[in-house]
Amino acid sequence: MLTLPKGIIHVLRQFEAVLSERVWEWAKVLLIGAILAPGERTVAAILRVMGCSDDKQFQNYHRVLNRATWSSRELSRRLLGLLVRLFVPGNEPVILGIDETIERRRGRQIAARGVYRDPVRSSKEFFVKTQGLRWISLMLLTPIPWACRVWALPFLSVLAPSERYHEERKMRHKTITDWAWQMILQVSRWLPARRLVVVADGTYAVLEFLLKVSRLPLVSVITRLRLDACLYDPAPVREAGKRGRHALKGKAQPKLAQRLTDPATQWQKQTLSWYGGTRREMEIATGTALWYQSPVPPVGDPLGAHS
């Protein structure tokens, strides 16, 4: 560690207290080697790049991952704290991204592997399957000045096994949104005084999930809405002295699929950042609505944000 820059040593010191003194010495080698190793970051590849491939006690490095006792959740909390202090100064909202990734692994000893849609090789016309482990990652979205673009910096990952895996073990299956809810709840407890904005794709456009998140203070979710979603105006103000249950929703609004071809829709041209560091001109229409599908209570932004 004496050959490392002082800045890196200062960062690594933030995680030292989570592991025991002996395990920490092995963990430092694995961490530095994972940064330097080209290709797959296996323990064997890390030991080769660190010059430890002939170490007679090489099994100690494997035990850091499969036997040593330490809290990965506490490491995630400390990593998030470092990222927020560095990239999100003051009281600015913390922008988070959540998405799934497939780690392509095979072997009889990998019990949690399943068969999933390959997001890289698949398209609208072709469905390609792949075997591996499905991970859900929560990332801090922040602009990197020297890269001139927004980077996603992962700090918390959760393994989400398939439904078949849980059925074979007679366990209650957790969906992707179940795991996502627990992850967002955990981060809201780590940062109780900061406003969190979670950006997700259409997988997370689930009423039960959005309803739970909407009840958390200072937490919002931005996701792609279904084109056939049932949208309504906010519930009207209840008249004084009127009996009966309170209205949950107002007048029904046209579905998004209808608004695409409705000439009354007011489109505005905006220039947005696009893939590959380019910029693209797009047409945008905004509005406020409640998404309601019985028996789930309606979901909307109480602050009146546009969607």
Protein backbone atom coordinates (compact mmCIF):
# COMPACT_ATOMS: atom_id res chain seq x y z
CA MET A 1 0.00 0.00 0.00
CA LEU A 2 2.98 2.33 0.41
CA THR A 3 3.43 2.48 -3.35
CA LEU A 4 -0.12 3.74 -3.95
CA PRO A 5 -0.98 7.44 -4.30
CA LYS A 6 -2.03 9.08 -1.05
CA GLY A 7 -5.43 9.96 -2.51
CA ILE A 8 -6.28 6.30 -3.12
CA ILE A 9 -5.04 5.30 0.34
CA HIS A 10 -7.29 7.95 1.88
CA VAL A 11 -10.32 6.53 0.00
CA LEU A 12 -9.57 2.91 0.91
CA ARG A 13 -9.23 3.85 4.59
CA GLN A 14 -12.97 4.60 4.63
CA PHE A 15 -13.71 0.86 4.27
CA GLU A 16 -11.03 -0.54 6.55
CA ALA A 17 -13.18 -0.68 9.69
CA VAL A 18 -15.74 -2.99 8.05
CA LEU A 19 -13.27 -5.91 7.80
CA SER A 20 -10.93 -7.47 10.33
CA GLU A 21 -7.25 -6.51 10.23
CA ARG A 22 -6.15 -9.79 8.65
CA VAL A 23 -8.95 -9.94 6.07
CA TRP A 24 -8.35 -6.28 5.18
CA GLU A 25 -4.80 -7.04 3.98
CA TRP A 26 -6.12 -9.66 1.56
CA ALA A 27 -9.07 -7.51 0.53
CA LYS A 28 -6.76 -4.63 -0.47
CA VAL A 29 -4.93 -6.92 -2.89
CA LEU A 30 -8.23 -8.06 -4.42
CA LEU A 31 -9.55 -4.51 -4.75
CA ILE A 32 -6.42 -3.10 -6.40
CA GLY A 33 -6.08 -6.15 -8.62
CA ALA A 34 -9.71 -5.84 -9.76
CA ILE A 35 -8.90 -2.32 -10.97
CA LEU A 36 -5.76 -3.41 -12.82
CA ALA A 37 -6.82 -6.81 -14.17
CA PRO A 38 -7.80 -6.87 -17.86
CA GLY A 39 -10.68 -9.05 -19.00
CA GLU A 40 -12.57 -11.09 -16.42
CA ARG A 41 -11.91 -10.04 -12.84
CA THR A 42 -11.60 -13.49 -11.28
CA VAL A 43 -9.52 -14.12 -8.18
CA ALA A 44 -6.95 -16.02 -10.28
CA ALA A 45 -6.66 -13.12 -12.75
CA ILE A 46 -6.29 -10.64 -9.88
CA LEU A 47 -3.49 -12.68 -8.27
CA ARG A 48 -1.64 -12.87 -11.59
CA VAL A 49 -1.75 -9.12 -12.20
CA MET A 50 -0.68 -8.46 -8.59
CA GLY A 51 2.26 -10.88 -8.82
CA CYS A 52 0.77 -13.24 -6.23
CA SER A 53 0.07 -16.21 -8.50
CA ASP A 54 2.79 -18.26 -6.77
CA ASP A 55 1.59 -17.47 -3.26
CA LYS A 56 1.33 -20.76 -1.35
CA GLN A 57 -1.59 -19.41 0.69
CA PHE A 58 -3.61 -18.31 -2.32
CA GLN A 59 -6.77 -19.82 -0.80
CA ASN A 60 -6.85 -16.96 1.72
CA TYR A 61 -7.89 -14.58 -1.06
CA HIS A 62 -10.79 -16.86 -2.03
CA ARG A 63 -11.90 -16.97 1.60
CA VAL A 64 -12.37 -13.22 1.62
CA LEU A 65 -15.37 -13.79 -0.66
CA ASN A 66 -16.73 -17.15 0.46
CA ARG A 67 -15.91 -17.47 4.15
CA ALA A 68 -14.84 -14.24 5.84
CA THR A 69 -17.48 -12.33 7.81
CA TRP A 70 -18.12 -8.75 6.69
CA SER A 71 -21.12 -6.62 5.77
CA SER A 72 -21.53 -5.79 2.09
CA ARG A 73 -24.43 -3.50 3.02
CA GLU A 74 -22.18 -1.42 5.26
CA LEU A 75 -19.61 -1.17 2.47
CA SER A 76 -22.36 0.06 0.14
CA ARG A 77 -23.44 2.68 2.67
CA ARG A 78 -19.91 4.02 3.01
CA LEU A 79 -19.38 4.02 -0.75
CA LEU A 80 -22.60 5.96 -1.29
CA GLY A 81 -21.57 8.49 1.35
CA LEU A 82 -18.26 9.07 -0.42
CA LEU A 83 -19.92 9.47 -3.82
CA VAL A 84 -22.55 11.90 -2.55
CA ARG A 85 -19.98 14.06 -0.75
CA LEU A 86 -17.82 14.18 -3.88
CA PHE A 87 -20.41 14.58 -6.66
CA VAL A 88 -23.60 15.97 -5.05
CA PRO A 89 -22.62 18.96 -2.92
CA GLY A 90 -25.02 21.00 -0.81
CA ASN A 91 -28.72 20.11 -0.78
CA GLU A 92 -29.08 19.20 -4.44
CA PRO A 93 -31.26 16.15 -5.26
CA VAL A 94 -29.45 12.82 -5.47
CA ILE A 95 -30.18 11.34 -8.91
CA LEU A 96 -30.15 7.54 -8.88
CA GLY A 97 -30.53 5.00 -11.67
CA ILE A 98 -31.76 1.43 -11.22
CA ASP A 99 -31.43 -1.36 -13.78
CA GLU A 100 -30.77 -5.07 -14.15
CA THR A 101 -27.70 -6.72 -15.62
CA ILE A 102 -26.99 -10.35 -16.49
CA GLU A 103 -23.73 -11.90 -15.34
CA ARG A 104 -23.17 -14.78 -17.77
CA ARG A 105 -22.17 -17.72 -15.59
CA ARG A 106 -22.47 -21.46 -16.03
CA GLY A 107 -21.77 -24.42 -13.80
CA ARG A 108 -23.55 -26.84 -11.50
CA GLN A 109 -22.34 -25.05 -8.38
CA ILE A 110 -24.02 -21.76 -9.39
CA ALA A 111 -27.45 -22.51 -7.96
CA ALA A 112 -29.04 -19.10 -8.50
CA ARG A 113 -28.41 -18.95 -12.25
CA GLY A 114 -31.43 -18.80 -14.53
CA VAL A 115 -32.47 -18.23 -18.13
CA TYR A 116 -33.26 -14.62 -19.00
CA ARG A 117 -33.71 -12.34 -21.98
CA ASP A 118 -30.37 -11.10 -23.26
CA PRO A 119 -30.76 -7.29 -23.34
CA VAL A 120 -27.69 -6.83 -25.54
CA ARG A 121 -28.42 -9.36 -28.28
CA SER A 122 -32.23 -9.05 -28.25
CA SER A 123 -34.32 -6.52 -30.14
CA LYS A 124 -38.00 -5.88 -30.84
CA GLU A 125 -37.96 -8.52 -33.58
CA PHE A 126 -35.62 -11.10 -32.02
CA PHE A 127 -35.72 -12.67 -28.54
CA VAL A 128 -32.38 -14.11 -27.42
CA LYS A 129 -31.98 -16.08 -24.19
CA THR A 130 -28.91 -16.33 -22.00
CA GLN A 131 -27.95 -18.15 -18.81
CA GLY A 132 -26.46 -16.41 -15.82
CA LEU A 133 -27.09 -14.46 -12.65
CA ARG A 134 -29.47 -11.51 -12.67
CA TRP A 135 -28.33 -8.54 -10.60
CA ILE A 136 -30.23 -5.34 -9.85
CA SER A 137 -27.90 -2.36 -9.49
CA LEU A 138 -28.58 1.01 -7.93
CA MET A 139 -26.28 3.72 -9.31
CA LEU A 140 -25.52 7.36 -8.69
CA LEU A 141 -26.03 9.35 -11.91
CA THR A 142 -23.61 12.26 -12.03
CA PRO A 143 -21.88 14.30 -14.75
CA ILE A 144 -18.14 13.68 -14.98
CA PRO A 145 -16.41 16.91 -16.10
CA TRP A 146 -13.48 15.39 -17.97
CA ALA A 147 -15.73 12.81 -19.69
CA CYS A 148 -18.33 15.43 -20.73
CA ARG A 149 -21.21 13.05 -20.01
CA VAL A 150 -23.23 11.49 -17.21
CA TRP A 151 -21.82 8.35 -15.65
CA ALA A 152 -23.66 5.69 -13.66
CA LEU A 153 -21.60 4.79 -10.56
CA PRO A 154 -22.91 1.56 -8.94
CA PHE A 155 -22.90 1.39 -5.15
CA LEU A 156 -25.50 -1.28 -4.28
CA SER A 157 -26.28 -4.55 -6.11
CA VAL A 158 -28.74 -7.30 -5.22
CA LEU A 159 -29.01 -10.80 -6.67
CA ALA A 160 -32.54 -11.42 -8.02
CA PRO A 161 -32.98 -15.17 -8.69
CA SER A 162 -35.66 -16.47 -11.03
CA GLU A 163 -39.11 -17.64 -9.99
CA ARG A 164 -38.12 -21.23 -10.75
CA TYR A 165 -35.22 -20.99 -8.28
CA HIS A 166 -37.60 -20.03 -5.47
CA GLU A 167 -40.21 -22.63 -6.41
CA GLU A 168 -37.67 -25.45 -6.25
CA ARG A 169 -36.71 -24.37 -2.73
CA LYS A 170 -40.30 -23.62 -1.65
CA MET A 171 -39.47 -19.98 -1.02
CA ARG A 172 -41.58 -16.88 -1.60
CA HIS A 173 -40.59 -15.35 -4.91
CA LYS A 174 -39.51 -11.71 -5.00
CA THR A 175 -40.04 -9.87 -8.24
CA ILE A 176 -37.68 -7.25 -9.62
CA THR A 177 -39.86 -4.46 -8.24
CA ASP A 178 -39.93 -6.15 -4.81
CA TRP A 179 -36.14 -6.01 -4.67
CA ALA A 180 -36.10 -2.47 -6.07
CA TRP A 181 -38.49 -1.30 -3.35
CA GLN A 182 -36.24 -2.71 -0.62
CA MET A 183 -33.16 -1.11 -2.18
CA ILE A 184 -34.77 2.33 -2.45
CA LEU A 185 -36.10 2.03 1.11
CA GLN A 186 -32.58 1.25 2.33
CA VAL A 187 -31.06 4.25 0.54
CA SER A 188 -33.77 6.56 1.90
CA ARG A 189 -32.75 5.46 5.40
CA TRP A 190 -29.08 6.08 4.62
CA LEU A 191 -29.86 9.59 3.32
CA PRO A 192 -32.94 10.68 5.29
CA ALA A 193 -32.41 14.40 4.71
CA ARG A 194 -31.69 14.29 0.96
CA ARG A 195 -34.20 14.31 -1.86
CA LEU A 196 -33.88 11.17 -4.02
CA VAL A 197 -34.91 10.96 -7.68
CA VAL A 198 -34.82 7.39 -9.07
CA VAL A 199 -34.69 6.96 -12.86
CA ALA A 200 -35.84 3.58 -14.22
CA ASP A 201 -37.05 1.96 -17.44
CA GLY A 202 -40.49 0.54 -18.21
CA THR A 203 -39.85 -2.59 -16.12
CA TYR A 204 -40.54 -0.54 -13.02
CA ALA A 205 -43.81 0.98 -14.27
CA VAL A 206 -45.76 -1.14 -11.77
CA LEU A 207 -48.54 0.45 -9.71
CA GLU A 208 -47.83 -1.43 -6.46
CA PHE A 209 -44.16 -0.49 -6.60
CA LEU A 210 -44.78 3.17 -7.44
CA LEU A 211 -47.40 3.44 -4.70
CA LYS A 212 -44.93 2.23 -2.06
CA VAL A 213 -42.22 4.61 -3.23
CA SER A 214 -44.63 7.57 -3.36
CA ARG A 215 -45.28 7.13 0.35
CA LEU A 216 -41.61 7.65 1.19
CA PRO A 217 -40.71 11.23 2.08
CA LEU A 218 -38.43 13.06 -0.37
CA VAL A 219 -38.38 10.15 -2.88
CA SER A 220 -39.62 10.31 -6.50
CA VAL A 221 -39.47 7.86 -9.41
CA ILE A 222 -39.17 8.72 -13.10
CA THR A 223 -40.09 5.80 -15.35
CA ARG A 224 -41.53 5.16 -18.79
CA LEU A 225 -45.32 4.92 -18.51
CA ARG A 226 -47.38 2.30 -20.31
CA LEU A 227 -49.16 3.59 -23.42
CA ASP A 228 -52.39 1.92 -22.26
CA ALA A 229 -52.24 3.28 -18.69
CA CYS A 230 -55.56 4.54 -17.31
CA LEU A 231 -54.99 8.22 -16.52
CA TYR A 232 -57.35 10.56 -14.67
CA ASP A 233 -57.55 14.13 -13.47
CA PRO A 234 -56.86 14.72 -9.77
CA ALA A 235 -59.85 14.13 -7.53
CA PRO A 236 -62.08 17.22 -7.20
CA VAL A 237 -62.30 19.08 -3.92
CA ARG A 238 -65.00 17.59 -1.73
CA GLU A 239 -67.99 19.86 -1.22
CA ALA A 240 -68.79 20.84 2.34
CA GLY A 241 -71.53 18.70 3.89
CA LYS A 242 -71.51 16.11 1.10
CA ARG A 243 -71.94 12.53 2.28
CA GLY A 244 -70.35 9.38 0.99
CA ARG A 245 -66.78 8.24 0.36
CA HIS A 246 -64.15 10.61 -0.95
CA ALA A 247 -63.47 10.51 -4.68
CA LEU A 248 -60.24 8.77 -5.63
CA LYS A 249 -59.95 10.24 -9.11
CA GLY A 250 -61.39 12.84 -11.41
CA LYS A 251 -62.38 12.79 -15.06
CA ALA A 252 -60.72 10.19 -17.30
CA GLN A 253 -57.98 11.45 -19.61
CA PRO A 254 -57.11 10.07 -23.07
CA LYS A 255 -54.59 7.26 -23.06
CA LEU A 256 -51.03 8.04 -24.14
CA ALA A 257 -51.44 6.02 -27.33
CA GLN A 258 -54.35 8.31 -28.33
CA ARG A 259 -52.41 11.47 -27.53
CA LEU A 260 -49.69 10.53 -29.99
CA THR A 261 -52.11 11.08 -32.88
CA ASP A 262 -54.37 13.70 -31.27
CA PRO A 263 -53.95 17.03 -33.09
CA ALA A 264 -54.89 18.86 -29.88
CA THR A 265 -51.72 17.66 -28.15
CA GLN A 266 -49.32 20.56 -27.70
CA TRP A 267 -45.84 19.40 -28.71
CA GLN A 268 -42.71 21.41 -27.93
CA LYS A 269 -39.32 20.89 -29.56
CA GLN A 270 -36.40 20.36 -27.19
CA THR A 271 -32.73 19.55 -27.84
CA LEU A 272 -31.55 16.73 -25.56
CA SER A 273 -28.30 14.89 -24.92
CA TRP A 274 -28.26 11.54 -26.73
CA TYR A 275 -26.20 8.40 -26.95
CA GLY A 276 -22.58 8.67 -28.03
CA GLY A 277 -22.21 12.20 -26.67
CA THR A 278 -24.44 13.64 -29.43
CA ARG A 279 -27.49 15.90 -29.18
CA ARG A 280 -30.88 15.25 -30.71
CA GLU A 281 -34.01 17.31 -31.26
CA MET A 282 -37.21 15.75 -29.94
CA GLU A 283 -40.83 16.75 -29.46
CA ILE A 284 -42.15 16.70 -25.89
CA ALA A 285 -45.63 17.06 -24.41
CA THR A 286 -46.14 17.39 -20.65
CA GLY A 287 -49.07 17.07 -18.32
CA THR A 288 -50.24 15.98 -14.87
CA ALA A 289 -52.42 12.95 -14.18
CA LEU A 290 -53.22 10.16 -11.74
CA TRP A 291 -52.58 6.56 -12.77
CA TYR A 292 -55.36 4.38 -11.37
CA GLN A 293 -56.17 0.70 -11.78
CA SER A 294 -58.49 -0.90 -9.22
CA PRO A 295 -57.93 -2.17 -6.54
CA VAL A 296 -54.61 -0.31 -6.18
CA PRO A 297 -55.03 3.32 -5.00
CA PRO A 298 -54.18 5.99 -7.58
CA VAL A 299 -50.55 6.96 -8.01
CA GLY A 300 -49.43 10.51 -8.76
CA ASP A 301 -46.97 13.19 -7.74
CA PRO A 302 -48.42 15.16 -4.79
CA LEU A 303 -46.20 18.10 -5.80
CA GLY A 304 -47.84 18.28 -9.20
CA ALA A 305 -44.76 17.41 -11.24
CA HIS A 306 -45.23 16.85 -14.97
CA SER A 307 -45.06 13.37 -16.42
